[in-house]
Amino acid sequence: MAYKPKVLPAYRPVVDHMVQMQNTPGVSFGDVQIGQMRAMVDLAPPSEDIPGVHTDEMTITVQDHDVKLYLLRPASSKDDILPCFIYVHGGGFVMNHFRHYQKLMKQLVVKTKMAILFLEYSLSPEVKFPTQFDECYETVLWAYKNAEALKINPEKLALGGDSGPGAMTASVCMKLKDNDYGHIIKAQVLIYAVMDFCSVTSFDSASEFGNGDYGMKRGHQNTFMEWYFEDAGNMPSADYRVAQVLASDEQLKNMPPTLAIAAEIDMNRDEALAYVQRLNDLGVPSTAVQLMGTIHAFLSFPIDSQQYRMTIGIIRAFLEDALL
């Protein structure tokens, strides 16, 4: 008797809604305008507030523009020097803001007793690749160089995030390593990371879960690519900044210890698993945890499932092991 993945009941309404939307006659994902997509996301109620967390909003200048950051820390730690997890949110580089991630970020702060620096990068299509990559790289260096003022420990920094932008943080670690800053990131966390944003590889999960039956189609990624790149017809598919799974062995050697959280029912699942396997083959201590019955972006939905809570616990344990 063969095992068949099944969406957890908690996430079934989300999948059904996505399938219904894409099967609406006369409407395709490619026809949806970016403004419509952002408006639909913004219709979601604000995430619940989590007490006991202090939040500071700040801006830094990257190249010729400002980038917004949020620094979160336990309210009782005003004068403490804390480890810091630098986080880059998902949304295909085109949507989402801090308000969509407040619950997750604050719960991580409460559970880990660490600081979190949340990067609210510039969105595409208003800006194009590699703007977000540059913003993330410069944010990490800024945090490291301004650690004393931020009351964070520069020797205890972790970097990560979710989806495509989360995968980008692995590329940032590679560039830091190339520029003799590889030592400053002690751990990376990749959450249902899209390690091949240009879809130049072919994994089983893409064909199994990218056919629309679970709300996602491989073609949807093409629309995000059109928004993200200046010329979607001439994408830099071999560029490690957009296809981390194709990075060379030399680029992956001596990367920081890595945790990958994989959603079982996710067309991008195997990209992350293959990436972690390569890290382990190259001697980088790495772990992948697959959550049965979960879907892409499951941490972003207002669903307080056991899998949501377990994932926070897994991230907490990994960060504590790496930074404390």
Protein backbone atom coordinates (compact mmCIF):
# COMPACT_ATOMS: atom_id res chain seq x y z
CA MET A 1 0.00 0.00 0.00
CA ALA A 2 1.56 3.26 -1.14
CA TYR A 3 1.74 6.34 1.04
CA LYS A 4 0.06 9.42 -0.39
CA PRO A 5 0.65 12.87 1.13
CA LYS A 6 -2.51 14.48 2.44
CA VAL A 7 -3.13 18.10 3.41
CA LEU A 8 -3.81 18.53 7.10
CA PRO A 9 -7.42 19.54 7.92
CA ALA A 10 -6.18 22.85 9.34
CA TYR A 11 -4.79 23.86 5.92
CA ARG A 12 -7.42 22.24 3.70
CA PRO A 13 -9.59 25.41 3.48
CA VAL A 14 -6.55 27.39 2.30
CA VAL A 15 -5.79 24.88 -0.45
CA ASP A 16 -9.46 24.65 -1.50
CA HIS A 17 -9.65 28.44 -1.77
CA MET A 18 -6.50 28.59 -3.90
CA VAL A 19 -7.76 25.84 -6.20
CA GLN A 20 -11.14 27.56 -6.54
CA MET A 21 -9.50 30.86 -7.46
CA GLN A 22 -7.31 29.37 -10.16
CA ASN A 23 -10.26 27.43 -11.62
CA THR A 24 -12.45 30.52 -11.96
CA PRO A 25 -13.46 30.71 -15.65
CA GLY A 26 -11.64 33.40 -17.59
CA VAL A 27 -9.13 34.12 -14.83
CA SER A 28 -5.53 32.93 -14.70
CA PHE A 29 -2.77 33.63 -12.22
CA GLY A 30 -0.86 35.53 -14.89
CA ASP A 31 -3.80 37.89 -15.37
CA VAL A 32 -3.75 39.02 -11.74
CA GLN A 33 -2.23 42.46 -11.35
CA ILE A 34 0.33 43.04 -8.63
CA GLY A 35 -1.93 45.62 -6.99
CA GLN A 36 -4.77 43.10 -6.81
CA MET A 37 -2.52 40.49 -5.25
CA ARG A 38 -1.24 42.89 -2.60
CA ALA A 39 -4.76 44.06 -1.86
CA MET A 40 -5.93 40.48 -1.31
CA VAL A 41 -3.03 39.85 1.08
CA ASP A 42 -3.78 43.07 2.95
CA LEU A 43 -7.39 42.00 3.48
CA ALA A 44 -6.15 39.47 6.00
CA PRO A 45 -6.69 40.72 9.56
CA PRO A 46 -3.58 41.91 11.41
CA SER A 47 -1.85 39.11 13.24
CA GLU A 48 -2.58 38.96 16.93
CA ASP A 49 -0.33 40.97 19.19
CA ILE A 50 2.07 39.06 21.40
CA PRO A 51 2.85 40.76 24.74
CA GLY A 52 6.31 41.03 26.22
CA VAL A 53 8.10 42.17 23.06
CA HIS A 54 9.60 45.60 22.41
CA THR A 55 9.81 46.74 18.78
CA ASP A 56 11.91 49.56 17.31
CA GLU A 57 11.45 50.75 13.74
CA MET A 58 14.46 52.19 11.93
CA THR A 59 15.81 52.88 8.45
CA ILE A 60 19.22 52.47 6.88
CA THR A 61 20.47 53.68 3.53
CA VAL A 62 21.46 51.10 0.95
CA GLN A 63 23.00 52.59 -2.17
CA ASP A 64 20.63 55.46 -3.00
CA HIS A 65 17.49 54.58 -1.03
CA ASP A 66 16.19 53.86 2.46
CA VAL A 67 15.36 50.39 3.74
CA LYS A 68 13.09 49.81 6.73
CA LEU A 69 14.10 47.50 9.57
CA TYR A 70 12.35 46.35 12.73
CA LEU A 71 14.34 45.31 15.78
CA LEU A 72 12.41 43.12 18.21
CA ARG A 73 13.61 42.00 21.63
CA PRO A 74 12.11 40.79 24.91
CA ALA A 75 10.65 43.77 26.76
CA SER A 76 12.60 42.80 29.87
CA SER A 77 15.96 42.84 28.05
CA LYS A 78 16.37 46.59 27.55
CA ASP A 79 20.04 46.68 28.55
CA ASP A 80 21.03 43.10 27.70
CA ILE A 81 23.32 42.21 24.81
CA LEU A 82 21.44 39.51 22.90
CA PRO A 83 22.06 37.04 20.09
CA CYS A 84 20.23 38.21 16.97
CA PHE A 85 18.36 36.40 14.20
CA ILE A 86 18.20 38.50 11.01
CA TYR A 87 14.99 37.58 9.15
CA VAL A 88 13.95 38.09 5.51
CA HIS A 89 10.24 37.56 4.83
CA GLY A 90 8.59 35.62 2.04
CA GLY A 91 6.21 36.83 -0.63
CA GLY A 92 8.01 36.22 -3.90
CA PHE A 93 9.83 39.56 -3.56
CA VAL A 94 6.59 41.34 -4.47
CA MET A 95 4.39 41.46 -1.36
CA ASN A 96 4.10 41.29 2.43
CA HIS A 97 5.32 43.58 5.17
CA PHE A 98 6.24 43.40 8.83
CA ARG A 99 2.59 43.50 9.88
CA HIS A 100 2.00 40.17 8.15
CA TYR A 101 4.80 38.58 10.20
CA GLN A 102 4.36 40.19 13.61
CA LYS A 103 2.89 37.11 15.28
CA LEU A 104 5.60 34.74 14.07
CA MET A 105 8.44 37.16 14.82
CA LYS A 106 7.19 38.01 18.31
CA GLN A 107 6.58 34.38 19.19
CA LEU A 108 10.13 33.57 18.15
CA VAL A 109 11.42 36.41 20.34
CA VAL A 110 9.41 35.18 23.33
CA LYS A 111 10.49 31.56 22.85
CA THR A 112 14.19 32.16 22.09
CA LYS A 113 14.80 35.21 24.31
CA MET A 114 16.83 36.56 21.38
CA ALA A 115 16.57 39.71 19.29
CA ILE A 116 15.19 39.60 15.75
CA LEU A 117 16.11 42.11 13.07
CA PHE A 118 13.37 42.03 10.42
CA LEU A 119 14.23 43.34 6.95
CA GLU A 120 11.36 44.96 5.05
CA TYR A 121 13.05 44.93 1.67
CA SER A 122 11.95 46.96 -1.36
CA LEU A 123 9.29 45.21 -3.43
CA SER A 124 9.24 44.26 -7.08
CA PRO A 125 8.21 45.17 -9.72
CA GLU A 126 8.95 48.71 -8.49
CA VAL A 127 12.58 47.59 -8.08
CA LYS A 128 14.33 44.75 -9.85
CA PHE A 129 16.92 42.09 -9.10
CA PRO A 130 19.47 42.34 -7.50
CA THR A 131 18.11 45.20 -5.34
CA GLN A 132 16.71 42.93 -2.61
CA PHE A 133 19.89 40.87 -2.52
CA ASP A 134 22.00 44.00 -2.05
CA GLU A 135 19.67 45.25 0.68
CA CYS A 136 19.96 41.98 2.58
CA TYR A 137 23.74 41.85 2.26
CA GLU A 138 24.15 45.45 3.42
CA THR A 139 21.70 44.92 6.30
CA VAL A 140 23.78 42.04 7.64
CA LEU A 141 26.99 44.08 7.47
CA TRP A 142 25.26 47.08 9.06
CA ALA A 143 23.96 44.97 11.94
CA TYR A 144 27.41 43.47 12.51
CA LYS A 145 29.15 46.86 12.47
CA ASN A 146 26.50 48.56 14.63
CA ALA A 147 25.99 45.73 17.09
CA GLU A 148 26.98 47.79 20.12
CA ALA A 149 24.37 50.47 19.43
CA LEU A 150 21.74 47.81 18.69
CA LYS A 151 22.66 45.89 21.87
CA ILE A 152 23.17 42.66 19.98
CA ASN A 153 26.14 40.32 20.12
CA PRO A 154 28.13 40.53 16.84
CA GLU A 155 29.56 37.09 17.55
CA LYS A 156 26.10 35.52 17.74
CA LEU A 157 24.25 36.36 14.53
CA ALA A 158 21.98 34.03 12.55
CA LEU A 159 20.40 34.70 9.16
CA GLY A 160 17.36 33.22 7.45
CA GLY A 161 13.85 33.60 6.17
CA ASP A 162 11.12 31.92 4.16
CA SER A 163 10.24 31.11 0.56
CA GLY A 164 12.25 32.71 -2.28
CA PRO A 165 13.54 35.68 -0.29
CA GLY A 166 14.46 33.31 2.52
CA ALA A 167 16.51 31.22 0.10
CA MET A 168 18.27 34.41 -0.95
CA THR A 169 19.82 34.57 2.52
CA ALA A 170 21.88 31.49 1.62
CA SER A 171 23.31 33.46 -1.30
CA VAL A 172 24.09 36.32 1.06
CA CYS A 173 26.06 33.89 3.23
CA MET A 174 28.03 32.87 0.13
CA LYS A 175 28.87 36.47 -0.72
CA LEU A 176 29.83 37.22 2.88
CA LYS A 177 32.18 34.25 2.74
CA ASP A 178 33.68 35.45 -0.55
CA ASN A 179 34.33 38.89 0.98
CA ASP A 180 35.96 37.55 4.17
CA TYR A 181 32.85 38.13 6.29
CA GLY A 182 31.76 34.51 6.36
CA HIS A 183 32.56 34.23 10.05
CA ILE A 184 29.86 36.69 11.14
CA ILE A 185 26.87 34.39 10.45
CA LYS A 186 26.89 31.46 12.84
CA ALA A 187 23.71 29.75 11.58
CA GLN A 188 21.18 29.92 8.76
CA VAL A 189 17.50 29.00 8.82
CA LEU A 190 15.70 28.25 5.55
CA ILE A 191 11.92 27.89 5.77
CA TYR A 192 10.20 26.21 2.77
CA ALA A 193 12.94 27.90 0.78
CA VAL A 194 12.71 28.24 -3.00
CA MET A 195 16.31 27.33 -3.80
CA ASP A 196 15.78 27.50 -7.57
CA PHE A 197 13.75 30.63 -8.25
CA CYS A 198 14.33 30.29 -12.02
CA SER A 199 13.11 26.67 -12.16
CA VAL A 200 16.15 25.44 -14.07
CA THR A 201 16.19 22.12 -12.21
CA SER A 202 13.56 19.40 -12.08
CA PHE A 203 12.64 17.66 -8.83
CA ASP A 204 9.88 15.16 -8.10
CA SER A 205 8.06 17.55 -5.76
CA ALA A 206 7.59 20.02 -8.63
CA SER A 207 5.69 17.51 -10.74
CA GLU A 208 3.83 15.98 -7.79
CA PHE A 209 2.61 19.21 -6.19
CA GLY A 210 2.97 21.79 -8.97
CA ASN A 211 0.02 20.66 -11.09
CA GLY A 212 -2.62 22.85 -9.45
CA ASP A 213 -4.27 20.14 -7.35
CA TYR A 214 -2.82 21.72 -4.21
CA GLY A 215 -3.23 25.35 -5.23
CA MET A 216 0.20 25.85 -6.76
CA LYS A 217 1.31 25.52 -10.36
CA ARG A 218 4.83 25.63 -11.72
CA GLY A 219 3.71 28.34 -14.10
CA HIS A 220 2.89 30.65 -11.20
CA GLN A 221 6.59 31.07 -10.54
CA ASN A 222 7.02 32.50 -14.04
CA THR A 223 4.76 35.41 -13.11
CA PHE A 224 6.87 36.19 -10.05
CA MET A 225 9.99 36.03 -12.22
CA GLU A 226 8.50 38.55 -14.64
CA TRP A 227 7.95 40.95 -11.75
CA TYR A 228 11.35 40.32 -10.18
CA PHE A 229 13.70 40.45 -13.17
CA GLU A 230 14.29 43.30 -15.59
CA ASP A 231 14.16 40.86 -18.49
CA ALA A 232 12.32 37.68 -17.58
CA GLY A 233 13.21 36.21 -20.96
CA ASN A 234 16.91 36.46 -20.19
CA MET A 235 17.14 35.44 -16.55
CA PRO A 236 20.47 34.72 -14.89
CA SER A 237 19.61 31.07 -14.22
CA ALA A 238 23.17 30.06 -13.34
CA ASP A 239 23.53 32.94 -10.87
CA TYR A 240 23.92 31.64 -7.30
CA ARG A 241 21.80 34.58 -6.10
CA VAL A 242 18.66 33.13 -7.70
CA ALA A 243 19.44 29.40 -7.99
CA GLN A 244 21.27 28.48 -4.80
CA VAL A 245 20.87 24.77 -5.51
CA LEU A 246 23.31 25.25 -8.42
CA ALA A 247 26.05 26.87 -6.33
CA SER A 248 29.48 25.30 -6.71
CA ASP A 249 31.02 23.07 -4.07
CA GLU A 250 33.55 25.80 -3.37
CA GLN A 251 30.76 28.28 -2.66
CA LEU A 252 29.04 25.87 -0.29
CA LYS A 253 32.10 24.78 1.67
CA ASN A 254 32.35 26.28 5.15
CA MET A 255 28.82 27.65 5.07
CA PRO A 256 27.22 28.14 8.50
CA PRO A 257 25.31 25.27 10.14
CA THR A 258 21.90 25.12 8.50
CA LEU A 259 18.34 24.22 9.43
CA ALA A 260 15.82 23.75 6.61
CA ILE A 261 12.11 23.54 7.37
CA ALA A 262 10.28 21.79 4.52
CA ALA A 263 6.54 21.67 3.93
CA GLU A 264 5.62 18.18 2.74
CA ILE A 265 3.05 19.37 0.18
CA ASP A 266 5.14 22.00 -1.58
CA MET A 267 6.37 21.93 -5.16
CA ASN A 268 9.66 23.53 -4.01
CA ARG A 269 10.26 21.01 -1.21
CA ASP A 270 12.93 18.88 -2.87
CA GLU A 271 15.07 21.90 -3.81
CA ALA A 272 15.67 22.62 -0.14
CA LEU A 273 16.23 18.96 0.72
CA ALA A 274 18.78 18.62 -2.09
CA TYR A 275 20.54 21.77 -0.92
CA VAL A 276 20.85 20.46 2.64
CA GLN A 277 22.08 17.11 1.34
CA ARG A 278 24.86 18.87 -0.56
CA LEU A 279 25.84 20.86 2.52
CA ASN A 280 26.12 17.66 4.53
CA ASP A 281 28.18 16.02 1.79
CA LEU A 282 30.58 18.98 2.02
CA GLY A 283 30.91 18.74 5.78
CA VAL A 284 28.53 21.56 6.74
CA PRO A 285 26.43 20.50 9.77
CA SER A 286 22.90 20.69 8.38
CA THR A 287 19.45 19.37 9.24
CA ALA A 288 16.20 19.25 7.28
CA VAL A 289 12.85 18.75 8.99
CA GLN A 290 9.76 17.98 6.90
CA LEU A 291 6.36 18.78 8.42
CA MET A 292 3.77 16.22 7.31
CA GLY A 293 0.63 17.61 5.71
CA THR A 294 1.82 21.21 5.61
CA ILE A 295 1.81 23.49 2.59
CA HIS A 296 4.03 26.29 1.33
CA ALA A 297 3.83 29.39 3.55
CA PHE A 298 2.05 27.51 6.35
CA LEU A 299 3.69 29.70 9.00
CA SER A 300 2.17 32.82 7.41
CA PHE A 301 -1.47 31.78 7.74
CA PRO A 302 -3.43 32.69 10.91
CA ILE A 303 -3.69 29.02 11.83
CA ASP A 304 -2.35 27.98 15.21
CA SER A 305 -1.78 24.33 14.36
CA GLN A 306 0.40 21.81 16.15
CA GLN A 307 2.74 21.95 13.15
CA TYR A 308 3.04 25.73 13.52
CA ARG A 309 3.93 25.41 17.20
CA MET A 310 6.33 22.53 16.61
CA THR A 311 8.15 24.51 13.92
CA ILE A 312 8.72 27.40 16.29
CA GLY A 313 10.12 24.92 18.80
CA ILE A 314 12.44 23.39 16.20
CA ILE A 315 13.77 26.80 15.16
CA ARG A 316 14.23 27.74 18.80
CA ALA A 317 16.22 24.58 19.57
CA PHE A 318 18.44 25.08 16.52
CA LEU A 319 19.18 28.74 17.29
CA GLU A 320 19.87 28.01 20.94
CA ASP A 321 22.30 25.26 19.96
CA ALA A 322 24.07 27.52 17.45
CA LEU A 323 24.13 30.82 19.35
CA LEU A 324 23.90 30.18 23.09
